[in-house]
Amino acid sequence: AFPDQLRKLAHEALARIATDPCGPAPN
């Protein structure tokens, strides 16, 4: 069972990935 604070971290990480020009999105 993952602690609730991982939800926020996961959301932040996905936001970073979705908008980062160096991330996998443009690939």
mmCIF file of all heavy atoms, coordinates in Angstrom:
data_MODEL
# 
_entry.id   MODEL 
# 
loop_
_atom_site.group_PDB 
_atom_site.id 
_atom_site.type_symbol 
_atom_site.label_atom_id 
_atom_site.label_alt_id 
_atom_site.label_comp_id 
_atom_site.label_asym_id 
_atom_site.label_entity_id 
_atom_site.label_seq_id 
_atom_site.pdbx_PDB_ins_code 
_atom_site.Cartn_x 
_atom_site.Cartn_y 
_atom_site.Cartn_z 
_atom_site.occupancy 
_atom_site.B_iso_or_equiv 
_atom_site.pdbx_formal_charge 
_atom_site.auth_seq_id 
_atom_site.auth_comp_id 
_atom_site.auth_asym_id 
_atom_site.auth_atom_id 
_atom_site.pdbx_PDB_model_num 
ATOM 1   N N   . ALA A 1 1  ? 0.869  -1.181 0.000   1.00 0.00 ? 1  ALA A N   1 
ATOM 2   C CA  . ALA A 1 1  ? 0.000  0.000  0.000   1.00 0.00 ? 1  ALA A CA  1 
ATOM 3   C C   . ALA A 1 1  ? 0.904  1.228  0.000   1.00 0.00 ? 1  ALA A C   1 
ATOM 4   O O   . ALA A 1 1  ? 1.804  1.349  0.830   1.00 0.00 ? 1  ALA A O   1 
ATOM 5   C CB  . ALA A 1 1  ? -0.900 -0.008 1.225   1.00 0.00 ? 1  ALA A CB  1 
ATOM 6   N N   . PHE A 1 2  ? 0.680  2.105  -0.958  1.00 0.00 ? 2  PHE A N   1 
ATOM 7   C CA  . PHE A 1 2  ? 1.506  3.301  -1.065  1.00 0.00 ? 2  PHE A CA  1 
ATOM 8   C C   . PHE A 1 2  ? 0.934  4.400  -0.168  1.00 0.00 ? 2  PHE A C   1 
ATOM 9   O O   . PHE A 1 2  ? -0.289 4.575  -0.118  1.00 0.00 ? 2  PHE A O   1 
ATOM 10  C CB  . PHE A 1 2  ? 1.574  3.794  -2.510  1.00 0.00 ? 2  PHE A CB  1 
ATOM 11  C CG  . PHE A 1 2  ? 2.295  2.853  -3.430  1.00 0.00 ? 2  PHE A CG  1 
ATOM 12  C CD1 . PHE A 1 2  ? 1.642  2.268  -4.489  1.00 0.00 ? 2  PHE A CD1 1 
ATOM 13  C CD2 . PHE A 1 2  ? 3.635  2.546  -3.231  1.00 0.00 ? 2  PHE A CD2 1 
ATOM 14  C CE1 . PHE A 1 2  ? 2.304  1.390  -5.340  1.00 0.00 ? 2  PHE A CE1 1 
ATOM 15  C CE2 . PHE A 1 2  ? 4.302  1.672  -4.071  1.00 0.00 ? 2  PHE A CE2 1 
ATOM 16  C CZ  . PHE A 1 2  ? 3.634  1.093  -5.127  1.00 0.00 ? 2  PHE A CZ  1 
ATOM 17  N N   . PRO A 1 3  ? 1.807  5.135  0.514   1.00 0.00 ? 3  PRO A N   1 
ATOM 18  C CA  . PRO A 1 3  ? 1.316  6.232  1.356   1.00 0.00 ? 3  PRO A CA  1 
ATOM 19  C C   . PRO A 1 3  ? 0.694  7.337  0.497   1.00 0.00 ? 3  PRO A C   1 
ATOM 20  O O   . PRO A 1 3  ? 1.070  7.529  -0.661  1.00 0.00 ? 3  PRO A O   1 
ATOM 21  C CB  . PRO A 1 3  ? 2.566  6.732  2.091   1.00 0.00 ? 3  PRO A CB  1 
ATOM 22  C CG  . PRO A 1 3  ? 3.729  6.162  1.371   1.00 0.00 ? 3  PRO A CG  1 
ATOM 23  C CD  . PRO A 1 3  ? 3.253  4.986  0.574   1.00 0.00 ? 3  PRO A CD  1 
ATOM 24  N N   . ASP A 1 4  ? -0.245 8.063  1.078   1.00 0.00 ? 4  ASP A N   1 
ATOM 25  C CA  . ASP A 1 4  ? -0.975 9.104  0.344   1.00 0.00 ? 4  ASP A CA  1 
ATOM 26  C C   . ASP A 1 4  ? -0.059 10.165 -0.255  1.00 0.00 ? 4  ASP A C   1 
ATOM 27  O O   . ASP A 1 4  ? -0.360 10.704 -1.317  1.00 0.00 ? 4  ASP A O   1 
ATOM 28  C CB  . ASP A 1 4  ? -2.006 9.776  1.253   1.00 0.00 ? 4  ASP A CB  1 
ATOM 29  C CG  . ASP A 1 4  ? -3.212 8.886  1.499   1.00 0.00 ? 4  ASP A CG  1 
ATOM 30  O OD1 . ASP A 1 4  ? -3.447 7.952  0.709   1.00 0.00 ? 4  ASP A OD1 1 
ATOM 31  O OD2 . ASP A 1 4  ? -3.928 9.139  2.488   1.00 0.00 ? 4  ASP A OD2 1 
ATOM 32  N N   . GLN A 1 5  ? 1.054  10.482 0.387   1.00 0.00 ? 5  GLN A N   1 
ATOM 33  C CA  . GLN A 1 5  ? 1.927  11.542 -0.143  1.00 0.00 ? 5  GLN A CA  1 
ATOM 34  C C   . GLN A 1 5  ? 2.530  11.165 -1.497  1.00 0.00 ? 5  GLN A C   1 
ATOM 35  O O   . GLN A 1 5  ? 2.958  12.036 -2.243  1.00 0.00 ? 5  GLN A O   1 
ATOM 36  C CB  . GLN A 1 5  ? 3.011  11.969 0.850   1.00 0.00 ? 5  GLN A CB  1 
ATOM 37  C CG  . GLN A 1 5  ? 3.991  10.885 1.217   1.00 0.00 ? 5  GLN A CG  1 
ATOM 38  C CD  . GLN A 1 5  ? 3.643  10.170 2.502   1.00 0.00 ? 5  GLN A CD  1 
ATOM 39  O OE1 . GLN A 1 5  ? 2.478  10.006 2.826   1.00 0.00 ? 5  GLN A OE1 1 
ATOM 40  N NE2 . GLN A 1 5  ? 4.647  9.732  3.230   1.00 0.00 ? 5  GLN A NE2 1 
ATOM 41  N N   . LEU A 1 6  ? 2.536  9.887  -1.849  1.00 0.00 ? 6  LEU A N   1 
ATOM 42  C CA  . LEU A 1 6  ? 3.039  9.502  -3.172  1.00 0.00 ? 6  LEU A CA  1 
ATOM 43  C C   . LEU A 1 6  ? 2.101  9.959  -4.284  1.00 0.00 ? 6  LEU A C   1 
ATOM 44  O O   . LEU A 1 6  ? 2.540  10.156 -5.417  1.00 0.00 ? 6  LEU A O   1 
ATOM 45  C CB  . LEU A 1 6  ? 3.264  7.997  -3.263  1.00 0.00 ? 6  LEU A CB  1 
ATOM 46  C CG  . LEU A 1 6  ? 4.479  7.446  -2.521  1.00 0.00 ? 6  LEU A CG  1 
ATOM 47  C CD1 . LEU A 1 6  ? 4.694  5.988  -2.885  1.00 0.00 ? 6  LEU A CD1 1 
ATOM 48  C CD2 . LEU A 1 6  ? 5.721  8.245  -2.785  1.00 0.00 ? 6  LEU A CD2 1 
ATOM 49  N N   . ARG A 1 7  ? 0.833  10.161 -3.970  1.00 0.00 ? 7  ARG A N   1 
ATOM 50  C CA  . ARG A 1 7  ? -0.103 10.662 -4.987  1.00 0.00 ? 7  ARG A CA  1 
ATOM 51  C C   . ARG A 1 7  ? 0.345  12.030 -5.491  1.00 0.00 ? 7  ARG A C   1 
ATOM 52  O O   . ARG A 1 7  ? 0.369  12.288 -6.690  1.00 0.00 ? 7  ARG A O   1 
ATOM 53  C CB  . ARG A 1 7  ? -1.517 10.772 -4.416  1.00 0.00 ? 7  ARG A CB  1 
ATOM 54  C CG  . ARG A 1 7  ? -2.184 9.434  -4.203  1.00 0.00 ? 7  ARG A CG  1 
ATOM 55  C CD  . ARG A 1 7  ? -3.519 9.589  -3.558  1.00 0.00 ? 7  ARG A CD  1 
ATOM 56  N NE  . ARG A 1 7  ? -4.513 10.024 -4.538  1.00 0.00 ? 7  ARG A NE  1 
ATOM 57  C CZ  . ARG A 1 7  ? -5.806 9.950  -4.331  1.00 0.00 ? 7  ARG A CZ  1 
ATOM 58  N NH1 . ARG A 1 7  ? -6.284 9.486  -3.188  1.00 0.00 ? 7  ARG A NH1 1 
ATOM 59  N NH2 . ARG A 1 7  ? -6.649 10.350 -5.262  1.00 0.00 ? 7  ARG A NH2 1 
ATOM 60  N N   . LYS A 1 8  ? 0.699  12.904 -4.556  1.00 0.00 ? 8  LYS A N   1 
ATOM 61  C CA  . LYS A 1 8  ? 1.136  14.253 -4.925  1.00 0.00 ? 8  LYS A CA  1 
ATOM 62  C C   . LYS A 1 8  ? 2.433  14.191 -5.725  1.00 0.00 ? 8  LYS A C   1 
ATOM 63  O O   . LYS A 1 8  ? 2.593  14.876 -6.739  1.00 0.00 ? 8  LYS A O   1 
ATOM 64  C CB  . LYS A 1 8  ? 1.318  15.101 -3.674  1.00 0.00 ? 8  LYS A CB  1 
ATOM 65  C CG  . LYS A 1 8  ? 1.737  16.527 -3.950  1.00 0.00 ? 8  LYS A CG  1 
ATOM 66  C CD  . LYS A 1 8  ? 1.822  17.315 -2.641  1.00 0.00 ? 8  LYS A CD  1 
ATOM 67  C CE  . LYS A 1 8  ? 2.109  18.771 -2.878  1.00 0.00 ? 8  LYS A CE  1 
ATOM 68  N NZ  . LYS A 1 8  ? 3.474  19.071 -3.212  1.00 0.00 ? 8  LYS A NZ  1 
ATOM 69  N N   . LEU A 1 9  ? 3.382  13.381 -5.264  1.00 0.00 ? 9  LEU A N   1 
ATOM 70  C CA  . LEU A 1 9  ? 4.652  13.243 -5.984  1.00 0.00 ? 9  LEU A CA  1 
ATOM 71  C C   . LEU A 1 9  ? 4.427  12.701 -7.394  1.00 0.00 ? 9  LEU A C   1 
ATOM 72  O O   . LEU A 1 9  ? 5.034  13.181 -8.354  1.00 0.00 ? 9  LEU A O   1 
ATOM 73  C CB  . LEU A 1 9  ? 5.616  12.344 -5.217  1.00 0.00 ? 9  LEU A CB  1 
ATOM 74  C CG  . LEU A 1 9  ? 6.171  12.878 -3.909  1.00 0.00 ? 9  LEU A CG  1 
ATOM 75  C CD1 . LEU A 1 9  ? 7.031  11.815 -3.228  1.00 0.00 ? 9  LEU A CD1 1 
ATOM 76  C CD2 . LEU A 1 9  ? 6.964  14.157 -4.130  1.00 0.00 ? 9  LEU A CD2 1 
ATOM 77  N N   . ALA A 1 10 ? 3.565  11.697 -7.516  1.00 0.00 ? 10 ALA A N   1 
ATOM 78  C CA  . ALA A 1 10 ? 3.292  11.119 -8.831  1.00 0.00 ? 10 ALA A CA  1 
ATOM 79  C C   . ALA A 1 10 ? 2.642  12.156 -9.743  1.00 0.00 ? 10 ALA A C   1 
ATOM 80  O O   . ALA A 1 10 ? 3.005  12.268 -10.923 1.00 0.00 ? 10 ALA A O   1 
ATOM 81  C CB  . ALA A 1 10 ? 2.390  9.890  -8.680  1.00 0.00 ? 10 ALA A CB  1 
ATOM 82  N N   . HIS A 1 11 ? 1.726  12.934 -9.220  1.00 0.00 ? 11 HIS A N   1 
ATOM 83  C CA  . HIS A 1 11 ? 1.070  13.983 -10.016 1.00 0.00 ? 11 HIS A CA  1 
ATOM 84  C C   . HIS A 1 11 ? 2.096  15.011 -10.474 1.00 0.00 ? 11 HIS A C   1 
ATOM 85  O O   . HIS A 1 11 ? 2.108  15.422 -11.641 1.00 0.00 ? 11 HIS A O   1 
ATOM 86  C CB  . HIS A 1 11 ? -0.037 14.638 -9.186  1.00 0.00 ? 11 HIS A CB  1 
ATOM 87  C CG  . HIS A 1 11 ? -0.881 15.575 -9.976  1.00 0.00 ? 11 HIS A CG  1 
ATOM 88  N ND1 . HIS A 1 11 ? -0.538 16.894 -10.172 1.00 0.00 ? 11 HIS A ND1 1 
ATOM 89  C CD2 . HIS A 1 11 ? -2.041 15.372 -10.635 1.00 0.00 ? 11 HIS A CD2 1 
ATOM 90  C CE1 . HIS A 1 11 ? -1.463 17.472 -10.911 1.00 0.00 ? 11 HIS A CE1 1 
ATOM 91  N NE2 . HIS A 1 11 ? -2.387 16.571 -11.210 1.00 0.00 ? 11 HIS A NE2 1 
ATOM 92  N N   . GLU A 1 12 ? 2.974  15.444 -9.578  1.00 0.00 ? 12 GLU A N   1 
ATOM 93  C CA  . GLU A 1 12 ? 4.008  16.421 -9.934  1.00 0.00 ? 12 GLU A CA  1 
ATOM 94  C C   . GLU A 1 12 ? 4.971  15.871 -10.980 1.00 0.00 ? 12 GLU A C   1 
ATOM 95  O O   . GLU A 1 12 ? 5.363  16.584 -11.912 1.00 0.00 ? 12 GLU A O   1 
ATOM 96  C CB  . GLU A 1 12 ? 4.788  16.851 -8.696  1.00 0.00 ? 12 GLU A CB  1 
ATOM 97  C CG  . GLU A 1 12 ? 4.018  17.738 -7.754  1.00 0.00 ? 12 GLU A CG  1 
ATOM 98  C CD  . GLU A 1 12 ? 4.850  18.113 -6.539  1.00 0.00 ? 12 GLU A CD  1 
ATOM 99  O OE1 . GLU A 1 12 ? 6.085  18.295 -6.662  1.00 0.00 ? 12 GLU A OE1 1 
ATOM 100 O OE2 . GLU A 1 12 ? 4.260  18.229 -5.457  1.00 0.00 ? 12 GLU A OE2 1 
ATOM 101 N N   . ALA A 1 13 ? 5.365  14.623 -10.825 1.00 0.00 ? 13 ALA A N   1 
ATOM 102 C CA  . ALA A 1 13 ? 6.287  14.015 -11.791 1.00 0.00 ? 13 ALA A CA  1 
ATOM 103 C C   . ALA A 1 13 ? 5.640  13.942 -13.175 1.00 0.00 ? 13 ALA A C   1 
ATOM 104 O O   . ALA A 1 13 ? 6.277  14.266 -14.184 1.00 0.00 ? 13 ALA A O   1 
ATOM 105 C CB  . ALA A 1 13 ? 6.713  12.625 -11.323 1.00 0.00 ? 13 ALA A CB  1 
ATOM 106 N N   . LEU A 1 14 ? 4.377  13.557 -13.230 1.00 0.00 ? 14 LEU A N   1 
ATOM 107 C CA  . LEU A 1 14 ? 3.692  13.479 -14.523 1.00 0.00 ? 14 LEU A CA  1 
ATOM 108 C C   . LEU A 1 14 ? 3.519  14.859 -15.150 1.00 0.00 ? 14 LEU A C   1 
ATOM 109 O O   . LEU A 1 14 ? 3.648  15.009 -16.368 1.00 0.00 ? 14 LEU A O   1 
ATOM 110 C CB  . LEU A 1 14 ? 2.330  12.804 -14.363 1.00 0.00 ? 14 LEU A CB  1 
ATOM 111 C CG  . LEU A 1 14 ? 2.357  11.316 -14.028 1.00 0.00 ? 14 LEU A CG  1 
ATOM 112 C CD1 . LEU A 1 14 ? 0.949  10.806 -13.799 1.00 0.00 ? 14 LEU A CD1 1 
ATOM 113 C CD2 . LEU A 1 14 ? 3.060  10.518 -15.111 1.00 0.00 ? 14 LEU A CD2 1 
ATOM 114 N N   . ALA A 1 15 ? 3.242  15.858 -14.332 1.00 0.00 ? 15 ALA A N   1 
ATOM 115 C CA  . ALA A 1 15 ? 3.130  17.224 -14.857 1.00 0.00 ? 15 ALA A CA  1 
ATOM 116 C C   . ALA A 1 15 ? 4.454  17.669 -15.460 1.00 0.00 ? 15 ALA A C   1 
ATOM 117 O O   . ALA A 1 15 ? 4.498  18.280 -16.530 1.00 0.00 ? 15 ALA A O   1 
ATOM 118 C CB  . ALA A 1 15 ? 2.691  18.180 -13.750 1.00 0.00 ? 15 ALA A CB  1 
ATOM 119 N N   . ARG A 1 16 ? 5.538  17.339 -14.788 1.00 0.00 ? 16 ARG A N   1 
ATOM 120 C CA  . ARG A 1 16 ? 6.870  17.689 -15.284 1.00 0.00 ? 16 ARG A CA  1 
ATOM 121 C C   . ARG A 1 16 ? 7.155  16.978 -16.606 1.00 0.00 ? 16 ARG A C   1 
ATOM 122 O O   . ARG A 1 16 ? 7.651  17.566 -17.563 1.00 0.00 ? 16 ARG A O   1 
ATOM 123 C CB  . ARG A 1 16 ? 7.914  17.308 -14.225 1.00 0.00 ? 16 ARG A CB  1 
ATOM 124 C CG  . ARG A 1 16 ? 9.339  17.495 -14.634 1.00 0.00 ? 16 ARG A CG  1 
ATOM 125 C CD  . ARG A 1 16 ? 9.776  18.951 -14.482 1.00 0.00 ? 16 ARG A CD  1 
ATOM 126 N NE  . ARG A 1 16 ? 10.970 19.231 -15.241 1.00 0.00 ? 16 ARG A NE  1 
ATOM 127 C CZ  . ARG A 1 16 ? 12.191 18.860 -14.917 1.00 0.00 ? 16 ARG A CZ  1 
ATOM 128 N NH1 . ARG A 1 16 ? 12.409 18.178 -13.821 1.00 0.00 ? 16 ARG A NH1 1 
ATOM 129 N NH2 . ARG A 1 16 ? 13.206 19.176 -15.695 1.00 0.00 ? 16 ARG A NH2 1 
ATOM 130 N N   . ILE A 1 17 ? 6.836  15.715 -16.676 1.00 0.00 ? 17 ILE A N   1 
ATOM 131 C CA  . ILE A 1 17 ? 7.083  14.923 -17.884 1.00 0.00 ? 17 ILE A CA  1 
ATOM 132 C C   . ILE A 1 17 ? 6.248  15.443 -19.051 1.00 0.00 ? 17 ILE A C   1 
ATOM 133 O O   . ILE A 1 17 ? 6.748  15.577 -20.173 1.00 0.00 ? 17 ILE A O   1 
ATOM 134 C CB  . ILE A 1 17 ? 6.778  13.433 -17.619 1.00 0.00 ? 17 ILE A CB  1 
ATOM 135 C CG1 . ILE A 1 17 ? 7.794  12.856 -16.632 1.00 0.00 ? 17 ILE A CG1 1 
ATOM 136 C CG2 . ILE A 1 17 ? 6.759  12.629 -18.908 1.00 0.00 ? 17 ILE A CG2 1 
ATOM 137 C CD1 . ILE A 1 17 ? 7.381  11.531 -16.023 1.00 0.00 ? 17 ILE A CD1 1 
ATOM 138 N N   . ALA A 1 18 ? 4.986  15.743 -18.788 1.00 0.00 ? 18 ALA A N   1 
ATOM 139 C CA  . ALA A 1 18 ? 4.072  16.151 -19.858 1.00 0.00 ? 18 ALA A CA  1 
ATOM 140 C C   . ALA A 1 18 ? 4.452  17.481 -20.487 1.00 0.00 ? 18 ALA A C   1 
ATOM 141 O O   . ALA A 1 18 ? 4.150  17.724 -21.651 1.00 0.00 ? 18 ALA A O   1 
ATOM 142 C CB  . ALA A 1 18 ? 2.645  16.223 -19.323 1.00 0.00 ? 18 ALA A CB  1 
ATOM 143 N N   . THR A 1 19 ? 5.126  18.329 -19.731 1.00 0.00 ? 19 THR A N   1 
ATOM 144 C CA  . THR A 1 19 ? 5.408  19.680 -20.226 1.00 0.00 ? 19 THR A CA  1 
ATOM 145 C C   . THR A 1 19 ? 6.879  19.949 -20.502 1.00 0.00 ? 19 THR A C   1 
ATOM 146 O O   . THR A 1 19 ? 7.209  21.022 -21.008 1.00 0.00 ? 19 THR A O   1 
ATOM 147 C CB  . THR A 1 19 ? 4.906  20.728 -19.218 1.00 0.00 ? 19 THR A CB  1 
ATOM 148 O OG1 . THR A 1 19 ? 5.578  20.528 -17.959 1.00 0.00 ? 19 THR A OG1 1 
ATOM 149 C CG2 . THR A 1 19 ? 3.400  20.613 -19.024 1.00 0.00 ? 19 THR A CG2 1 
ATOM 150 N N   . ASP A 1 20 ? 7.742  19.017 -20.203 1.00 0.00 ? 20 ASP A N   1 
ATOM 151 C CA  . ASP A 1 20 ? 9.174  19.265 -20.346 1.00 0.00 ? 20 ASP A CA  1 
ATOM 152 C C   . ASP A 1 20 ? 9.640  19.004 -21.778 1.00 0.00 ? 20 ASP A C   1 
ATOM 153 O O   . ASP A 1 20 ? 9.453  17.903 -22.296 1.00 0.00 ? 20 ASP A O   1 
ATOM 154 C CB  . ASP A 1 20 ? 9.956  18.371 -19.386 1.00 0.00 ? 20 ASP A CB  1 
ATOM 155 C CG  . ASP A 1 20 ? 11.386 18.812 -19.253 1.00 0.00 ? 20 ASP A CG  1 
ATOM 156 O OD1 . ASP A 1 20 ? 12.116 18.811 -20.278 1.00 0.00 ? 20 ASP A OD1 1 
ATOM 157 O OD2 . ASP A 1 20 ? 11.795 19.166 -18.145 1.00 0.00 ? 20 ASP A OD2 1 
ATOM 158 N N   . PRO A 1 21 ? 10.257 19.991 -22.425 1.00 0.00 ? 21 PRO A N   1 
ATOM 159 C CA  . PRO A 1 21 ? 10.714 19.790 -23.803 1.00 0.00 ? 21 PRO A CA  1 
ATOM 160 C C   . PRO A 1 21 ? 11.846 18.773 -23.915 1.00 0.00 ? 21 PRO A C   1 
ATOM 161 O O   . PRO A 1 21 ? 12.100 18.252 -24.998 1.00 0.00 ? 21 PRO A O   1 
ATOM 162 C CB  . PRO A 1 21 ? 11.183 21.183 -24.240 1.00 0.00 ? 21 PRO A CB  1 
ATOM 163 C CG  . PRO A 1 21 ? 11.447 21.922 -22.981 1.00 0.00 ? 21 PRO A CG  1 
ATOM 164 C CD  . PRO A 1 21 ? 10.541 21.334 -21.937 1.00 0.00 ? 21 PRO A CD  1 
ATOM 165 N N   . CYS A 1 22 ? 12.498 18.462 -22.793 1.00 0.00 ? 22 CYS A N   1 
ATOM 166 C CA  . CYS A 1 22 ? 13.565 17.450 -22.804 1.00 0.00 ? 22 CYS A CA  1 
ATOM 167 C C   . CYS A 1 22 ? 13.024 16.060 -22.471 1.00 0.00 ? 22 CYS A C   1 
ATOM 168 O O   . CYS A 1 22 ? 13.774 15.094 -22.490 1.00 0.00 ? 22 CYS A O   1 
ATOM 169 C CB  . CYS A 1 22 ? 14.649 17.818 -21.786 1.00 0.00 ? 22 CYS A CB  1 
ATOM 170 S SG  . CYS A 1 22 ? 15.469 19.369 -22.142 1.00 0.00 ? 22 CYS A SG  1 
ATOM 171 N N   . GLY A 1 23 ? 11.755 15.966 -22.147 1.00 0.00 ? 23 GLY A N   1 
ATOM 172 C CA  . GLY A 1 23 ? 11.166 14.690 -21.774 1.00 0.00 ? 23 GLY A CA  1 
ATOM 173 C C   . GLY A 1 23 ? 10.802 13.861 -22.989 1.00 0.00 ? 23 GLY A C   1 
ATOM 174 O O   . GLY A 1 23 ? 11.090 14.225 -24.130 1.00 0.00 ? 23 GLY A O   1 
ATOM 175 N N   . PRO A 1 24 ? 10.125 12.735 -22.767 1.00 0.00 ? 24 PRO A N   1 
ATOM 176 C CA  . PRO A 1 24 ? 9.803  11.828 -23.875 1.00 0.00 ? 24 PRO A CA  1 
ATOM 177 C C   . PRO A 1 24 ? 8.658  12.295 -24.764 1.00 0.00 ? 24 PRO A C   1 
ATOM 178 O O   . PRO A 1 24 ? 8.480  11.758 -25.848 1.00 0.00 ? 24 PRO A O   1 
ATOM 179 C CB  . PRO A 1 24 ? 9.440  10.526 -23.170 1.00 0.00 ? 24 PRO A CB  1 
ATOM 180 C CG  . PRO A 1 24 ? 9.098  10.898 -21.785 1.00 0.00 ? 24 PRO A CG  1 
ATOM 181 C CD  . PRO A 1 24 ? 9.830  12.162 -21.468 1.00 0.00 ? 24 PRO A CD  1 
ATOM 182 N N   . ALA A 1 25 ? 7.882  13.293 -24.365 1.00 0.00 ? 25 ALA A N   1 
ATOM 183 C CA  . ALA A 1 25 ? 6.708  13.708 -25.153 1.00 0.00 ? 25 ALA A CA  1 
ATOM 184 C C   . ALA A 1 25 ? 7.035  14.019 -26.607 1.00 0.00 ? 25 ALA A C   1 
ATOM 185 O O   . ALA A 1 25 ? 6.332  13.570 -27.503 1.00 0.00 ? 25 ALA A O   1 
ATOM 186 C CB  . ALA A 1 25 ? 6.012  14.893 -24.486 1.00 0.00 ? 25 ALA A CB  1 
ATOM 187 N N   . PRO A 1 26 ? 8.095  14.799 -26.907 1.00 0.00 ? 26 PRO A N   1 
ATOM 188 C CA  . PRO A 1 26 ? 8.351  15.113 -28.312 1.00 0.00 ? 26 PRO A CA  1 
ATOM 189 C C   . PRO A 1 26 ? 8.998  13.972 -29.111 1.00 0.00 ? 26 PRO A C   1 
ATOM 190 O O   . PRO A 1 26 ? 9.199  14.105 -30.305 1.00 0.00 ? 26 PRO A O   1 
ATOM 191 C CB  . PRO A 1 26 ? 9.303  16.305 -28.260 1.00 0.00 ? 26 PRO A CB  1 
ATOM 192 C CG  . PRO A 1 26 ? 9.698  16.498 -26.857 1.00 0.00 ? 26 PRO A CG  1 
ATOM 193 C CD  . PRO A 1 26 ? 8.919  15.545 -26.009 1.00 0.00 ? 26 PRO A CD  1 
ATOM 194 N N   . ASN A 1 27 ? 9.301  12.850 -28.476 1.00 0.00 ? 27 ASN A N   1 
ATOM 195 C CA  . ASN A 1 27 ? 10.023 11.770 -29.140 1.00 0.00 ? 27 ASN A CA  1 
ATOM 196 C C   . ASN A 1 27 ? 9.151  10.822 -29.953 1.00 0.00 ? 27 ASN A C   1 
ATOM 197 O O   . ASN A 1 27 ? 9.661  9.963  -30.654 1.00 0.00 ? 27 ASN A O   1 
ATOM 198 C CB  . ASN A 1 27 ? 10.816 10.945 -28.115 1.00 0.00 ? 27 ASN A CB  1 
ATOM 199 C CG  . ASN A 1 27 ? 11.925 11.744 -27.499 1.00 0.00 ? 27 ASN A CG  1 
ATOM 200 O OD1 . ASN A 1 27 ? 12.411 12.713 -28.071 1.00 0.00 ? 27 ASN A OD1 1 
ATOM 201 N ND2 . ASN A 1 27 ? 12.323 11.359 -26.295 1.00 0.00 ? 27 ASN A ND2 1 
# 
